Amino acid sequence: MNKLSQEFRQDIQDFKKTADQFFNHEMSTKEYKGISGGYGTYAQADPSLSMLRLRFTGGRVSPAQMKCIANKLRQHDISLLHFTTCQCIQLHNLTKDVLLDTMDAAYGAHIIPRGTGGDFPRNVTVSPLSGVQTGEYFDVSPYAQAAGTYLLSILKSIKLPRKLKVGFANSAANDTHATFRDLGFAANADGTFDVFSGGGLGNNYKWGLPVGTHIDPNKVLYYVQAMVQFFMKYGNYENRAKARSRYIQETLGTDGYIQAFHAELTQVQETKQLDLTIAPPTPTGPTAIAVPPTASRIQPQKQDGLYYVSWHPYGGNPPIDVFCTVSDALQDIPDAELRVGPDETVYFINLPASDAEMIAAITENSSAKTLVETSVSCIGHSICQAGMQDSQALLHAILAAILPCHFADKVLPRFYISGCTSSCGTHQIGILGFRGALKHEDGNAVPAFTLYANGAYNHGKEQFAAPVATIAAARIPEFVVTLGKQVSQANTTFDKWYAGHEQDLITLAEHFA
């Protein structure tokens, strides 16, 4: 990885020429986006400012890498940091000079922004507690790290029709959505993977198709290379709106997709040597389905005497001073590591008890305390050029509205909020989700969100949420408060209430629509 970071670091000079053209108004926003994404950056809604997306396979961030980020946050007084649902870290509101300096410093710390945007293999996602979680099927992180490194090694030699997302799940919790990624590896209790391909959220969402059953984990790179070849052969290079791998299900049919994938797999197996030599995993049996960490944030690892601490900053946006303070604290803890989760919760792992208590104390005031406070939100249209509505503003309006109600924990669910149809807030897989929209009232188009209900992502229980009603953004906080009161009056939690009141939820949503 160090060699790759140095190789990609040399590309900064090429990108600088592009950035100079754009910020000197010599290049259109569309043309710039088509180039800049491949370097891990996009212009924001205010085109004088940029974001930078930092890649961390499986969300694994070392203390040294945290220190690099913290140093730049302090040096440039960077105002916004965001944990993404693809386990990256995004820095926002960067001027051109700050962008270029921070990008260069990232490579110096072996952080690779290359390919975190554009038509490239994106960050490989991994269950964030893989390797330390009691009851996981097995530690999938070594195989994911190998896949991430391999994809980076071929990044410059391939031309994909669109982005390619790969994920690894260590249990039936399926927190990385491995069963509906472009390519997903779902662990089994016997130490093998089931492999899925052609899935994805957003427009024309699809489940992944089974292309491998109980495969040897040391064979994962054959499937990765086969997916790359398959995508380049059958992907749509003419119509970007239909260029993701899930659209190939429609052109080839499900059986045709699986057959064509296996043809590529056979060709790879016959012509390449991609076996890994990782020691066979030690299966530990089935695990309980993971739940959001809203009780004690300090939990034991499967390693005796070590603990992890969860931290869910509101909306996935940690206070800059807290991030920097916790970075300082981690520098003196051997083997400590930050893990960014796919639900914007982060975990500090490999902590002795006293250090776990210290990290928990540092992050206490900025961490969610209840399930609804762990709601997931993309960065929203106030920052993102592609966004339709301000998902972050909606989340904070909801939290402000419910604060005086003092609802018991789990009376309201975790919401999944996306500013547009791209589903960066994963609104299609939550029990309740919101997706940015417009609503016409009195002849005027007003900001709104479409409510989605009854999604699930646990392996074997997957279900895409269905749209229920489109509600003006200004009315959603009142809708949520009314929902919370109904559940409270029933003296139960939302999940138990919803099981017998699906029509009541629809009726309530339609009342506010």
Protein backbone atom coordinates (compact mmCIF):
# COMPACT_ATOMS: atom_id res chain seq x y z
CA MET A 1 0.00 0.00 0.00
CA ASN A 2 2.89 2.36 0.72
CA LYS A 3 4.22 1.87 -2.81
CA LEU A 4 0.77 2.56 -4.26
CA SER A 5 0.34 5.74 -2.23
CA GLN A 6 3.65 7.06 -3.54
CA GLU A 7 2.71 6.12 -7.11
CA PHE A 8 -0.63 7.91 -6.92
CA ARG A 9 0.95 10.89 -5.15
CA GLN A 10 2.79 11.68 -8.36
CA ASP A 11 -0.57 12.30 -10.07
CA ILE A 12 -1.21 15.42 -7.97
CA GLN A 13 0.75 17.60 -10.42
CA ASP A 14 -1.53 16.48 -13.27
CA PHE A 15 -4.58 17.18 -11.16
CA LYS A 16 -3.23 20.60 -10.15
CA LYS A 17 -3.31 21.70 -13.79
CA THR A 18 -6.97 20.65 -14.00
CA ALA A 19 -7.81 22.39 -10.73
CA ASP A 20 -6.11 25.59 -11.90
CA GLN A 21 -8.20 25.57 -15.07
CA PHE A 22 -11.44 25.04 -13.16
CA PHE A 23 -10.86 27.59 -10.43
CA ASN A 24 -9.70 30.10 -13.06
CA HIS A 25 -13.06 29.56 -14.81
CA GLU A 26 -11.42 27.98 -17.85
CA MET A 27 -13.28 24.66 -17.47
CA SER A 28 -16.96 23.88 -16.95
CA THR A 29 -18.24 22.32 -13.76
CA LYS A 30 -19.37 19.22 -15.68
CA GLU A 31 -16.00 18.75 -17.35
CA TYR A 32 -14.18 19.25 -14.07
CA LYS A 33 -16.40 16.75 -12.27
CA GLY A 34 -15.61 14.14 -14.89
CA ILE A 35 -11.90 14.48 -14.08
CA SER A 36 -11.77 15.48 -10.41
CA GLY A 37 -13.83 12.56 -9.13
CA GLY A 38 -11.05 10.17 -10.10
CA TYR A 39 -8.75 12.08 -7.78
CA GLY A 40 -11.21 11.86 -4.88
CA THR A 41 -12.58 15.38 -5.00
CA TYR A 42 -15.62 17.27 -6.28
CA ALA A 43 -16.61 20.91 -6.27
CA GLN A 44 -19.38 21.61 -3.78
CA ALA A 45 -22.68 23.43 -4.27
CA ASP A 46 -20.59 26.57 -3.83
CA PRO A 47 -18.15 25.83 -6.67
CA SER A 48 -15.41 27.91 -5.06
CA LEU A 49 -15.10 25.17 -2.42
CA SER A 50 -14.28 21.48 -2.67
CA MET A 51 -14.58 18.25 -0.77
CA LEU A 52 -11.89 15.58 -0.46
CA ARG A 53 -12.83 11.93 0.07
CA LEU A 54 -10.21 9.80 1.82
CA ARG A 55 -10.17 6.05 1.18
CA PHE A 56 -9.75 3.59 4.06
CA THR A 57 -10.38 -0.06 3.19
CA GLY A 58 -12.93 -1.31 5.69
CA GLY A 59 -12.90 2.09 7.38
CA ARG A 60 -9.59 1.26 9.11
CA VAL A 61 -7.76 4.42 10.17
CA SER A 62 -4.48 4.21 12.07
CA PRO A 63 -3.54 6.74 14.76
CA ALA A 64 -0.85 8.09 12.44
CA GLN A 65 -3.44 8.66 9.73
CA MET A 66 -5.78 10.29 12.23
CA LYS A 67 -2.93 12.57 13.25
CA CYS A 68 -2.37 13.58 9.64
CA ILE A 69 -6.04 14.50 9.28
CA ALA A 70 -6.13 16.32 12.61
CA ASN A 71 -3.03 18.30 11.69
CA LYS A 72 -4.68 19.55 8.51
CA LEU A 73 -7.95 20.29 10.29
CA ARG A 74 -6.04 22.50 12.70
CA GLN A 75 -3.63 24.04 10.21
CA HIS A 76 -6.31 25.10 7.74
CA ASP A 77 -9.18 25.60 10.19
CA ILE A 78 -11.27 23.11 8.19
CA SER A 79 -14.87 23.42 9.33
CA LEU A 80 -16.56 20.16 8.33
CA LEU A 81 -15.63 16.46 8.45
CA HIS A 82 -18.07 13.70 7.52
CA PHE A 83 -18.04 9.92 8.03
CA THR A 84 -19.63 8.33 4.94
CA THR A 85 -21.74 5.21 4.48
CA CYS A 86 -18.91 3.82 2.31
CA GLN A 87 -16.55 4.05 5.30
CA CYS A 88 -14.57 6.99 3.95
CA ILE A 89 -13.77 10.28 5.65
CA GLN A 90 -14.72 13.43 3.76
CA LEU A 91 -13.28 16.88 4.37
CA HIS A 92 -15.43 19.79 3.22
CA ASN A 93 -15.31 23.52 2.46
CA LEU A 94 -11.76 23.39 1.10
CA THR A 95 -10.27 26.13 -1.04
CA LYS A 96 -8.10 25.03 -3.96
CA ASP A 97 -4.82 25.55 -2.10
CA VAL A 98 -6.08 23.75 1.01
CA LEU A 99 -7.39 20.91 -1.16
CA LEU A 100 -4.04 20.38 -2.87
CA ASP A 101 -2.02 20.62 0.33
CA THR A 102 -4.32 18.22 2.18
CA MET A 103 -4.33 15.76 -0.71
CA ASP A 104 -0.54 15.71 -0.74
CA ALA A 105 -0.34 15.25 3.03
CA ALA A 106 -2.83 12.37 2.82
CA TYR A 107 -0.63 10.46 0.41
CA GLY A 108 2.31 11.09 2.71
CA ALA A 109 0.36 9.26 5.45
CA HIS A 110 -0.50 6.41 3.03
CA ILE A 111 -4.09 7.60 2.65
CA ILE A 112 -5.26 7.25 -0.96
CA PRO A 113 -8.04 9.51 -2.28
CA ARG A 114 -7.52 8.21 -5.85
CA GLY A 115 -10.62 6.59 -7.29
CA THR A 116 -12.96 7.47 -4.42
CA GLY A 117 -15.07 9.26 -7.02
CA GLY A 118 -15.59 8.84 -10.73
CA ASP A 119 -15.74 5.62 -12.74
CA PHE A 120 -13.41 3.61 -10.55
CA PRO A 121 -13.43 0.82 -7.96
CA ARG A 122 -14.56 2.61 -4.82
CA ASN A 123 -13.59 2.00 -1.19
CA VAL A 124 -13.97 -1.67 -0.22
CA THR A 125 -16.39 -1.85 2.69
CA VAL A 126 -16.04 -4.29 5.60
CA SER A 127 -17.98 -5.01 8.78
CA PRO A 128 -16.31 -2.43 11.03
CA LEU A 129 -15.72 -4.72 14.01
CA SER A 130 -14.35 -7.57 11.95
CA GLY A 131 -11.59 -9.29 13.90
CA VAL A 132 -12.69 -8.05 17.31
CA GLN A 133 -16.42 -8.78 17.40
CA THR A 134 -17.59 -11.57 19.65
CA GLY A 135 -19.64 -14.08 17.66
CA GLU A 136 -18.64 -13.01 14.15
CA TYR A 137 -18.48 -15.88 11.69
CA PHE A 138 -14.79 -15.13 11.06
CA ASP A 139 -12.47 -12.17 10.53
CA VAL A 140 -13.08 -11.10 6.93
CA SER A 141 -10.77 -8.07 7.03
CA PRO A 142 -7.59 -9.73 5.64
CA TYR A 143 -9.47 -10.76 2.51
CA ALA A 144 -11.04 -7.34 2.12
CA GLN A 145 -7.67 -5.65 2.54
CA ALA A 146 -6.28 -7.87 -0.20
CA ALA A 147 -9.20 -7.00 -2.48
CA GLY A 148 -8.78 -3.28 -1.80
CA THR A 149 -5.07 -3.37 -2.57
CA TYR A 150 -5.65 -5.40 -5.72
CA LEU A 151 -8.26 -2.99 -7.06
CA LEU A 152 -5.94 -0.06 -6.44
CA SER A 153 -3.12 -1.89 -8.22
CA ILE A 154 -5.18 -2.19 -11.42
CA LEU A 155 -6.99 1.14 -11.13
CA LYS A 156 -4.97 2.88 -13.85
CA SER A 157 -5.11 -0.06 -16.27
CA ILE A 158 -8.88 -0.46 -16.46
CA LYS A 159 -11.73 1.69 -17.79
CA LEU A 160 -15.06 0.99 -16.13
CA PRO A 161 -18.44 2.24 -17.36
CA ARG A 162 -19.29 3.54 -13.85
CA LYS A 163 -18.22 3.07 -10.24
CA LEU A 164 -17.76 -0.40 -8.77
CA LYS A 165 -18.56 -1.09 -5.11
CA VAL A 166 -17.26 -4.17 -3.29
CA GLY A 167 -18.24 -5.19 0.24
CA PHE A 168 -17.45 -7.90 2.82
CA ALA A 169 -19.78 -8.88 5.68
CA ASN A 170 -18.61 -10.89 8.69
CA SER A 171 -22.05 -12.14 9.81
CA ALA A 172 -25.74 -12.26 9.01
CA ALA A 173 -25.97 -8.66 10.25
CA ASN A 174 -24.89 -7.81 6.68
CA ASP A 175 -24.02 -4.28 7.77
CA THR A 176 -22.08 -3.64 4.55
CA HIS A 177 -25.00 -4.79 2.38
CA ALA A 178 -22.85 -7.47 0.79
CA THR A 179 -25.89 -9.21 -0.69
CA PHE A 180 -26.75 -6.17 -2.78
CA ARG A 181 -23.44 -4.60 -3.78
CA ASP A 182 -21.90 -4.65 -7.25
CA LEU A 183 -19.84 -7.45 -5.73
CA GLY A 184 -20.38 -8.73 -2.21
CA PHE A 185 -18.80 -11.42 -0.06
CA ALA A 186 -21.07 -12.67 2.74
CA ALA A 187 -19.33 -14.79 5.38
CA ASN A 188 -20.70 -18.18 6.36
CA ALA A 189 -20.38 -19.89 9.73
CA ASP A 190 -18.18 -22.60 8.17
CA GLY A 191 -15.44 -20.12 7.23
CA THR A 192 -16.43 -19.65 3.58
CA PHE A 193 -18.02 -16.86 1.52
CA ASP A 194 -21.17 -16.69 -0.52
CA VAL A 195 -20.68 -14.22 -3.38
CA PHE A 196 -23.27 -11.86 -4.86
CA SER A 197 -23.07 -9.59 -7.90
CA GLY A 198 -25.09 -6.95 -9.69
CA GLY A 199 -26.91 -5.40 -6.75
CA GLY A 200 -27.19 -1.84 -5.56
CA LEU A 201 -29.29 0.96 -4.10
CA GLY A 202 -30.47 4.13 -5.85
CA ASN A 203 -32.44 4.18 -9.08
CA ASN A 204 -33.39 0.75 -10.41
CA TYR A 205 -32.27 -0.86 -7.14
CA LYS A 206 -31.62 -4.58 -7.29
CA TRP A 207 -30.63 -7.51 -5.11
CA GLY A 208 -27.33 -9.12 -5.95
CA LEU A 209 -27.37 -12.41 -7.81
CA PRO A 210 -25.61 -15.48 -6.35
CA VAL A 211 -22.43 -16.14 -8.31
CA GLY A 212 -20.52 -18.18 -5.73
CA THR A 213 -21.48 -20.48 -2.86
CA HIS A 214 -19.23 -21.49 0.03
CA ILE A 215 -16.06 -20.40 -1.75
CA ASP A 216 -12.60 -20.63 -0.23
CA PRO A 217 -11.74 -17.13 1.13
CA ASN A 218 -8.30 -17.36 -0.47
CA LYS A 219 -10.04 -17.35 -3.88
CA VAL A 220 -11.72 -13.92 -3.52
CA LEU A 221 -9.41 -12.15 -5.99
CA TYR A 222 -10.57 -14.42 -8.80
CA TYR A 223 -14.08 -13.09 -8.26
CA VAL A 224 -12.83 -9.51 -8.03
CA GLN A 225 -10.98 -9.77 -11.34
CA ALA A 226 -13.91 -11.59 -12.95
CA MET A 227 -16.23 -8.78 -11.84
CA VAL A 228 -13.96 -6.15 -13.35
CA GLN A 229 -13.77 -8.01 -16.68
CA PHE A 230 -17.50 -8.74 -16.67
CA PHE A 231 -18.37 -5.11 -15.95
CA MET A 232 -16.12 -3.82 -18.71
CA LYS A 233 -17.54 -6.32 -21.19
CA TYR A 234 -21.25 -5.90 -20.48
CA GLY A 235 -21.53 -2.47 -18.83
CA ASN A 236 -23.24 0.38 -20.66
CA TYR A 237 -20.67 2.94 -21.83
CA GLU A 238 -23.23 4.93 -23.82
CA ASN A 239 -25.80 5.81 -21.17
CA ARG A 240 -24.42 6.74 -17.75
CA ALA A 241 -27.90 6.51 -16.23
CA LYS A 242 -27.87 2.80 -17.01
CA ALA A 243 -24.19 2.04 -16.54
CA ARG A 244 -24.16 0.46 -13.08
CA SER A 245 -23.80 -3.31 -12.89
CA ARG A 246 -27.38 -3.82 -11.72
CA TYR A 247 -28.68 -2.77 -15.13
CA ILE A 248 -26.89 -5.73 -16.68
CA GLN A 249 -29.46 -7.93 -14.96
CA GLU A 250 -32.03 -6.40 -17.31
CA THR A 251 -29.99 -6.77 -20.50
CA LEU A 252 -28.82 -10.34 -19.85
CA GLY A 253 -31.56 -11.62 -17.56
CA THR A 254 -30.73 -13.18 -14.22
CA ASP A 255 -29.69 -16.54 -15.63
CA GLY A 256 -27.72 -14.89 -18.42
CA TYR A 257 -25.98 -12.62 -15.92
CA ILE A 258 -24.84 -15.55 -13.78
CA GLN A 259 -23.70 -17.56 -16.80
CA ALA A 260 -21.75 -14.62 -18.24
CA PHE A 261 -20.13 -13.92 -14.89
CA HIS A 262 -19.03 -17.53 -14.58
CA ALA A 263 -17.57 -17.44 -18.08
CA GLU A 264 -15.34 -14.56 -16.98
CA LEU A 265 -14.53 -16.35 -13.74
CA THR A 266 -13.45 -19.48 -15.60
CA GLN A 267 -11.23 -17.42 -17.90
CA VAL A 268 -9.59 -15.74 -14.89
CA GLN A 269 -9.07 -19.04 -13.11
CA GLU A 270 -7.39 -20.50 -16.21
CA THR A 271 -5.09 -17.57 -16.96
CA LYS A 272 -4.17 -15.89 -13.67
CA GLN A 273 -2.62 -16.83 -10.35
CA LEU A 274 -4.55 -14.85 -7.75
CA ASP A 275 -4.62 -17.24 -4.79
CA LEU A 276 -4.13 -15.62 -1.42
CA THR A 277 -2.08 -17.39 1.23
CA ILE A 278 -3.90 -16.19 4.33
CA ALA A 279 -4.17 -18.79 7.09
CA PRO A 280 -7.61 -20.42 7.08
CA PRO A 281 -10.10 -18.56 9.27
CA THR A 282 -11.28 -20.03 12.54
CA PRO A 283 -15.09 -20.05 12.37
CA THR A 284 -16.75 -19.02 15.62
CA GLY A 285 -20.35 -19.86 14.80
CA PRO A 286 -23.44 -17.71 14.28
CA THR A 287 -23.69 -14.26 15.77
CA ALA A 288 -26.58 -12.19 17.03
CA ILE A 289 -27.83 -9.52 14.64
CA ALA A 290 -26.04 -6.27 15.43
CA VAL A 291 -28.04 -3.38 16.87
CA PRO A 292 -27.07 0.31 16.97
CA PRO A 293 -24.86 1.12 19.96
CA THR A 294 -27.17 3.23 22.09
CA ALA A 295 -26.60 1.53 25.44
CA SER A 296 -23.11 1.34 26.90
CA ARG A 297 -20.67 2.62 24.32
CA ILE A 298 -17.87 0.54 25.85
CA GLN A 299 -18.06 -3.12 24.87
CA PRO A 300 -15.65 -6.05 25.29
CA GLN A 301 -13.80 -7.44 22.31
CA LYS A 302 -13.23 -11.14 21.80
CA GLN A 303 -9.62 -10.48 22.84
CA ASP A 304 -9.38 -10.76 26.62
CA GLY A 305 -8.82 -7.46 28.38
CA LEU A 306 -9.52 -5.26 25.35
CA TYR A 307 -12.54 -3.09 24.59
CA TYR A 308 -13.98 -0.95 21.83
CA VAL A 309 -15.82 2.34 22.16
CA SER A 310 -18.56 3.37 19.72
CA TRP A 311 -19.12 6.98 18.74
CA HIS A 312 -21.98 8.21 16.58
CA PRO A 313 -21.70 11.96 16.03
CA TYR A 314 -24.97 13.48 14.87
CA GLY A 315 -25.39 13.14 11.13
CA GLY A 316 -21.95 11.55 10.86
CA ASN A 317 -20.33 14.98 11.35
CA PRO A 318 -17.97 14.94 14.35
CA PRO A 319 -17.03 18.21 16.03
CA ILE A 320 -13.60 19.13 14.73
CA ASP A 321 -12.18 19.78 18.20
CA VAL A 322 -13.36 16.41 19.49
CA PHE A 323 -11.91 14.55 16.50
CA CYS A 324 -8.57 16.26 17.07
CA THR A 325 -8.60 15.61 20.81
CA VAL A 326 -9.35 11.93 20.42
CA SER A 327 -6.66 11.70 17.73
CA ASP A 328 -4.16 13.08 20.23
CA ALA A 329 -5.25 10.53 22.82
CA LEU A 330 -4.91 7.56 20.46
CA GLN A 331 -1.27 8.30 19.66
CA ASP A 332 -0.12 6.79 22.95
CA ILE A 333 -2.28 3.63 22.87
CA PRO A 334 -0.48 0.66 21.26
CA ASP A 335 -2.50 -1.11 18.52
CA ALA A 336 -5.41 1.34 18.81
CA GLU A 337 -7.36 1.96 15.61
CA LEU A 338 -10.37 3.91 14.38
CA ARG A 339 -12.95 2.00 12.35
CA VAL A 340 -15.54 3.93 10.32
CA GLY A 341 -18.80 1.99 10.06
CA PRO A 342 -21.24 1.99 7.12
CA ASP A 343 -23.91 3.64 9.29
CA GLU A 344 -21.70 6.62 10.25
CA THR A 345 -20.95 5.09 13.64
CA VAL A 346 -17.22 4.85 14.31
CA TYR A 347 -15.40 2.53 16.69
CA PHE A 348 -12.15 2.89 18.58
CA ILE A 349 -10.77 -0.62 19.01
CA ASN A 350 -8.04 -2.47 20.91
CA LEU A 351 -8.34 -0.35 24.04
CA PRO A 352 -7.45 -1.40 27.59
CA ALA A 353 -10.24 -0.62 30.06
CA SER A 354 -8.79 2.66 31.35
CA ASP A 355 -8.16 3.95 27.83
CA ALA A 356 -11.65 2.94 26.76
CA GLU A 357 -13.08 5.01 29.59
CA MET A 358 -10.92 7.97 28.55
CA ILE A 359 -12.01 7.80 24.89
CA ALA A 360 -15.65 7.42 25.92
CA ALA A 361 -15.36 10.51 28.11
CA ILE A 362 -13.79 12.59 25.31
CA THR A 363 -16.59 11.69 22.89
CA GLU A 364 -19.49 11.59 25.37
CA ASN A 365 -21.08 14.97 24.70
CA SER A 366 -21.00 14.59 20.92
CA SER A 367 -22.31 11.03 20.69
CA ALA A 368 -25.86 9.83 20.10
CA LYS A 369 -27.61 8.56 23.21
CA THR A 370 -30.79 7.10 21.68
CA LEU A 371 -31.62 5.06 18.61
CA VAL A 372 -33.19 7.95 16.71
CA GLU A 373 -30.09 10.06 17.36
CA THR A 374 -28.04 7.47 15.45
CA SER A 375 -30.01 8.30 12.31
CA VAL A 376 -27.98 8.21 9.11
CA SER A 377 -27.76 11.21 6.78
CA CYS A 378 -25.80 12.00 3.64
CA ILE A 379 -24.09 15.38 3.50
CA GLY A 380 -27.06 17.02 1.74
CA HIS A 381 -27.60 19.58 -1.01
CA SER A 382 -26.26 22.56 0.91
CA ILE A 383 -22.84 20.94 0.29
CA CYS A 384 -23.35 18.39 -2.50
CA GLN A 385 -23.92 19.56 -6.06
CA ALA A 386 -25.96 16.46 -6.83
CA GLY A 387 -28.24 16.76 -3.81
CA MET A 388 -31.88 17.72 -4.14
CA GLN A 389 -32.71 18.52 -0.49
CA ASP A 390 -30.83 19.24 2.72
CA SER A 391 -30.80 15.90 4.54
CA GLN A 392 -28.61 17.20 7.37
CA ALA A 393 -31.00 20.08 8.04
CA LEU A 394 -33.93 17.66 8.16
CA LEU A 395 -32.18 15.41 10.67
CA HIS A 396 -31.34 18.29 12.98
CA ALA A 397 -34.88 19.67 12.68
CA ILE A 398 -36.25 16.27 13.71
CA LEU A 399 -33.89 16.00 16.68
CA ALA A 400 -34.77 19.54 17.82
CA ALA A 401 -38.50 18.86 17.53
CA ILE A 402 -38.44 15.66 19.61
CA LEU A 403 -36.13 17.02 22.31
CA PRO A 404 -38.91 18.53 24.49
CA CYS A 405 -40.93 15.29 24.23
CA HIS A 406 -38.39 13.20 26.16
CA PHE A 407 -39.37 10.04 24.30
CA ALA A 408 -37.96 6.82 25.73
CA ASP A 409 -35.19 5.19 23.71
CA LYS A 410 -36.45 3.16 20.72
CA VAL A 411 -39.86 4.84 20.71
CA LEU A 412 -38.62 6.31 17.46
CA PRO A 413 -36.47 4.29 15.03
CA ARG A 414 -33.25 5.16 13.33
CA PHE A 415 -34.06 7.16 10.19
CA TYR A 416 -32.04 6.83 6.97
CA ILE A 417 -32.02 10.13 5.09
CA SER A 418 -30.83 10.76 1.53
CA GLY A 419 -30.89 14.14 -0.13
CA CYS A 420 -31.65 12.61 -3.54
CA THR A 421 -32.29 9.32 -5.33
CA SER A 422 -28.63 8.29 -5.12
CA SER A 423 -29.34 6.75 -1.70
CA CYS A 424 -26.07 7.87 -0.07
CA GLY A 425 -28.09 7.91 3.16
CA THR A 426 -29.29 4.36 2.33
CA HIS A 427 -32.97 5.33 2.69
CA GLN A 428 -34.03 2.17 0.85
CA ILE A 429 -32.87 -0.28 3.52
CA GLY A 430 -34.08 1.27 6.79
CA ILE A 431 -37.32 0.59 8.61
CA LEU A 432 -38.05 4.27 7.91
CA GLY A 433 -36.18 6.41 5.41
CA PHE A 434 -36.52 9.78 3.72
CA ARG A 435 -35.43 10.71 0.19
CA GLY A 436 -35.21 14.29 -1.08
CA ALA A 437 -38.03 15.33 -3.42
CA LEU A 438 -40.21 18.26 -4.46
CA LYS A 439 -43.87 18.74 -3.62
CA HIS A 440 -46.29 21.13 -5.31
CA GLU A 441 -48.42 23.19 -2.92
CA ASP A 442 -50.58 26.12 -4.04
CA GLY A 443 -48.84 26.13 -7.39
CA ASN A 444 -45.36 26.29 -5.89
CA ALA A 445 -42.69 23.60 -5.64
CA VAL A 446 -41.59 23.26 -2.02
CA PRO A 447 -38.75 21.20 -0.50
CA ALA A 448 -40.01 17.76 0.47
CA PHE A 449 -38.96 14.22 1.26
CA THR A 450 -40.56 10.94 0.26
CA LEU A 451 -41.04 8.60 3.22
CA TYR A 452 -39.92 5.00 2.71
CA ALA A 453 -40.96 2.20 5.06
CA ASN A 454 -40.22 -1.40 5.95
CA GLY A 455 -36.70 -1.89 4.64
CA ALA A 456 -34.26 -4.43 6.11
CA TYR A 457 -30.74 -5.59 5.30
CA ASN A 458 -29.97 -8.55 7.60
CA HIS A 459 -28.90 -11.51 5.47
CA GLY A 460 -31.88 -13.73 4.76
CA LYS A 461 -34.34 -10.99 5.75
CA GLU A 462 -33.44 -8.37 3.15
CA GLN A 463 -36.25 -6.14 1.98
CA PHE A 464 -36.22 -2.86 0.10
CA ALA A 465 -38.32 -0.12 1.68
CA ALA A 466 -41.37 1.03 -0.25
CA PRO A 467 -42.35 4.68 -0.82
CA VAL A 468 -45.30 5.72 1.36
CA ALA A 469 -45.94 9.44 0.92
CA THR A 470 -44.19 12.69 0.01
CA ILE A 471 -44.22 15.21 2.85
CA ALA A 472 -43.10 18.84 2.78
CA ALA A 473 -39.82 19.13 4.66
CA ALA A 474 -41.29 21.74 7.01
CA ARG A 475 -43.97 19.28 8.18
CA ILE A 476 -41.77 16.26 8.78
CA PRO A 477 -40.68 17.19 12.33
CA GLU A 478 -44.35 17.45 13.37
CA PHE A 479 -45.02 14.10 11.67
CA VAL A 480 -42.19 12.49 13.65
CA VAL A 481 -43.39 14.00 16.95
CA THR A 482 -46.92 12.72 16.30
CA LEU A 483 -45.56 9.28 15.46
CA GLY A 484 -43.52 9.24 18.66
CA LYS A 485 -46.58 10.16 20.72
CA GLN A 486 -48.60 7.32 19.21
CA VAL A 487 -45.89 4.79 19.98
CA SER A 488 -45.40 6.19 23.49
CA GLN A 489 -49.10 5.96 24.22
CA ALA A 490 -48.95 2.29 23.26
CA ASN A 491 -46.14 1.88 25.83
CA THR A 492 -43.90 0.05 23.40
CA THR A 493 -41.01 0.53 20.98
CA PHE A 494 -41.36 1.50 17.34
CA ASP A 495 -40.34 -1.88 15.91
CA LYS A 496 -42.92 -3.71 18.01
CA TRP A 497 -45.59 -1.09 17.31
CA TYR A 498 -44.96 -1.07 13.57
CA ALA A 499 -45.33 -4.85 13.29
CA GLY A 500 -49.07 -4.44 13.89
CA HIS A 501 -49.64 -0.87 12.70
CA GLU A 502 -48.26 -0.59 9.17
CA GLN A 503 -51.53 0.90 7.92
CA ASP A 504 -51.58 3.36 10.81
CA LEU A 505 -48.17 4.63 9.73
CA ILE A 506 -49.39 5.05 6.15
CA THR A 507 -52.50 6.88 7.32
CA LEU A 508 -50.43 9.21 9.49
CA ALA A 509 -47.97 9.94 6.67
CA GLU A 510 -50.79 10.66 4.24
CA HIS A 511 -52.30 13.07 6.75
CA PHE A 512 -49.11 15.14 6.69
CA ALA A 513 -48.54 14.74 2.95
